[in-house]
Protein backbone atom coordinates (compact mmCIF):
# COMPACT_ATOMS: atom_id res chain seq x y z
CA UNK A 1 -7.95 23.09 -13.92
CA UNK A 2 -9.51 26.51 -14.05
CA UNK A 3 -7.48 29.11 -15.97
CA UNK A 4 -8.22 32.83 -16.00
CA UNK A 5 -7.13 34.87 -19.01
CA UNK A 6 -7.41 38.54 -19.87
CA UNK A 7 -5.54 39.72 -22.95
CA UNK A 8 -2.02 38.31 -22.62
CA UNK A 9 -2.40 37.73 -18.85
CA UNK A 10 -2.93 34.13 -17.73
CA UNK A 11 -3.13 32.37 -14.40
CA UNK A 12 -4.19 29.01 -13.03
CA UNK A 13 -6.88 29.69 -10.43
CA UNK A 14 -7.29 26.12 -9.20
CA UNK A 15 -6.85 22.47 -10.03
CA UNK A 16 -10.21 20.72 -10.04
CA UNK A 17 -9.04 17.09 -9.97
CA UNK A 18 -5.79 15.13 -9.97
CA UNK A 19 -6.10 11.41 -10.62
CA UNK A 20 -4.85 8.44 -12.63
CA UNK A 21 -6.85 7.24 -15.64
CA UNK A 22 -6.22 3.91 -17.34
CA UNK A 23 -5.66 4.63 -21.03
CA UNK A 24 -6.77 1.19 -22.18
CA UNK A 25 -7.95 -2.15 -20.86
CA UNK A 26 -6.29 -5.54 -20.87
CA UNK A 27 -4.81 -8.10 -18.50
CA UNK A 28 -3.61 -5.35 -16.17
CA UNK A 29 -4.89 -2.79 -13.71
CA UNK A 30 -3.60 0.18 -11.73
CA UNK A 31 -3.54 -0.22 -7.95
CA UNK A 32 -2.42 1.94 -5.04
CA UNK A 33 -2.97 5.08 -7.10
CA UNK A 34 -1.81 8.40 -5.62
CA UNK A 35 -1.67 11.78 -7.36
CA UNK A 36 -1.24 15.37 -6.21
CA UNK A 37 -0.87 18.76 -7.86
CA UNK A 38 0.87 21.72 -6.24
CA UNK A 39 1.53 25.31 -7.21
CA UNK A 40 5.11 25.90 -8.35
CA UNK A 41 4.95 29.42 -6.90
CA UNK A 42 3.69 28.30 -3.46
CA UNK A 43 0.00 29.15 -3.68
CA UNK A 44 -2.97 29.65 -6.01
CA UNK A 45 -3.51 31.52 -8.23
CA UNK A 46 -0.29 30.57 -9.95
CA UNK A 47 1.34 30.48 -13.36
CA UNK A 48 2.75 26.95 -13.06
CA UNK A 49 1.77 23.65 -11.44
CA UNK A 50 3.57 20.38 -10.77
CA UNK A 51 1.71 17.09 -10.77
CA UNK A 52 3.22 13.94 -9.29
CA UNK A 53 1.75 10.48 -9.10
CA UNK A 54 2.59 6.94 -8.17
CA UNK A 55 0.79 3.67 -8.81
CA UNK A 56 1.40 -0.04 -9.15
CA UNK A 57 0.69 -1.84 -12.43
CA UNK A 58 -0.54 -5.38 -11.79
CA UNK A 59 -0.61 -7.81 -14.72
CA UNK A 60 -2.37 -11.18 -14.60
CA UNK A 61 -1.24 -13.62 -17.30
CA UNK A 62 -0.19 -17.20 -17.94
CA UNK A 63 2.66 -18.97 -19.73
CA UNK A 64 0.69 -19.42 -22.97
CA UNK A 65 0.69 -15.66 -23.62
CA UNK A 66 3.42 -14.47 -25.99
CA UNK A 67 4.37 -11.20 -27.63
CA UNK A 68 4.37 -7.84 -25.89
CA UNK A 69 2.78 -9.23 -22.73
CA UNK A 70 4.89 -12.37 -22.34
CA UNK A 71 6.23 -12.98 -18.84
CA UNK A 72 9.85 -12.69 -20.00
CA UNK A 73 9.17 -9.41 -21.76
CA UNK A 74 7.45 -7.95 -18.70
CA UNK A 75 10.36 -9.04 -16.50
CA UNK A 76 12.79 -7.38 -18.93
CA UNK A 77 11.05 -3.99 -18.47
CA UNK A 78 11.06 -4.12 -14.68
CA UNK A 79 8.07 -6.19 -13.61
CA UNK A 80 8.52 -8.68 -10.78
CA UNK A 81 6.55 -11.89 -10.31
CA UNK A 82 4.56 -11.39 -7.13
CA UNK A 83 2.49 -14.60 -7.10
CA UNK A 84 1.99 -17.78 -9.13
CA UNK A 85 -1.03 -20.05 -8.79
CA UNK A 86 -2.11 -22.84 -11.21
CA UNK A 87 0.07 -21.45 -14.03
CA UNK A 88 -1.37 -17.93 -13.59
CA UNK A 89 1.27 -15.26 -12.96
CA UNK A 90 0.73 -11.98 -11.16
CA UNK A 91 3.38 -9.40 -12.02
CA UNK A 92 3.86 -5.96 -10.47
CA UNK A 93 5.71 -2.77 -11.30
CA UNK A 94 5.73 0.47 -9.33
CA UNK A 95 5.60 3.60 -11.48
CA UNK A 96 6.10 7.28 -10.74
CA UNK A 97 5.43 10.23 -13.03
CA UNK A 98 5.92 13.97 -12.65
CA UNK A 99 5.11 16.78 -15.04
CA UNK A 100 5.09 20.57 -14.93
CA UNK A 101 2.56 22.76 -16.70
CA UNK A 102 3.03 26.50 -17.13
CA UNK A 103 0.75 29.06 -18.72
CA UNK A 104 3.80 31.01 -19.96
């Protein structure tokens, strides 16, 4: 985002980009990514923004995997098995995040 400041005055002039970024790699990927940022005051420039996003986490794994990515663990935190083929499991979980940022 582009922020203008002068002394103690601050304002958000515009949001340059709003998008999902995968924080790490592994047997998963983000699909169906959607993100948007709006002004909390109705227009730009503004002093506060709200960003909302949704995506689907898709994990590909098999029954030999254990630990934090075991199938049972993923099911326990809300993943559903969407497809099984030759002992390879595809699990999915829809996620939604919202945050507010204010310059004051």
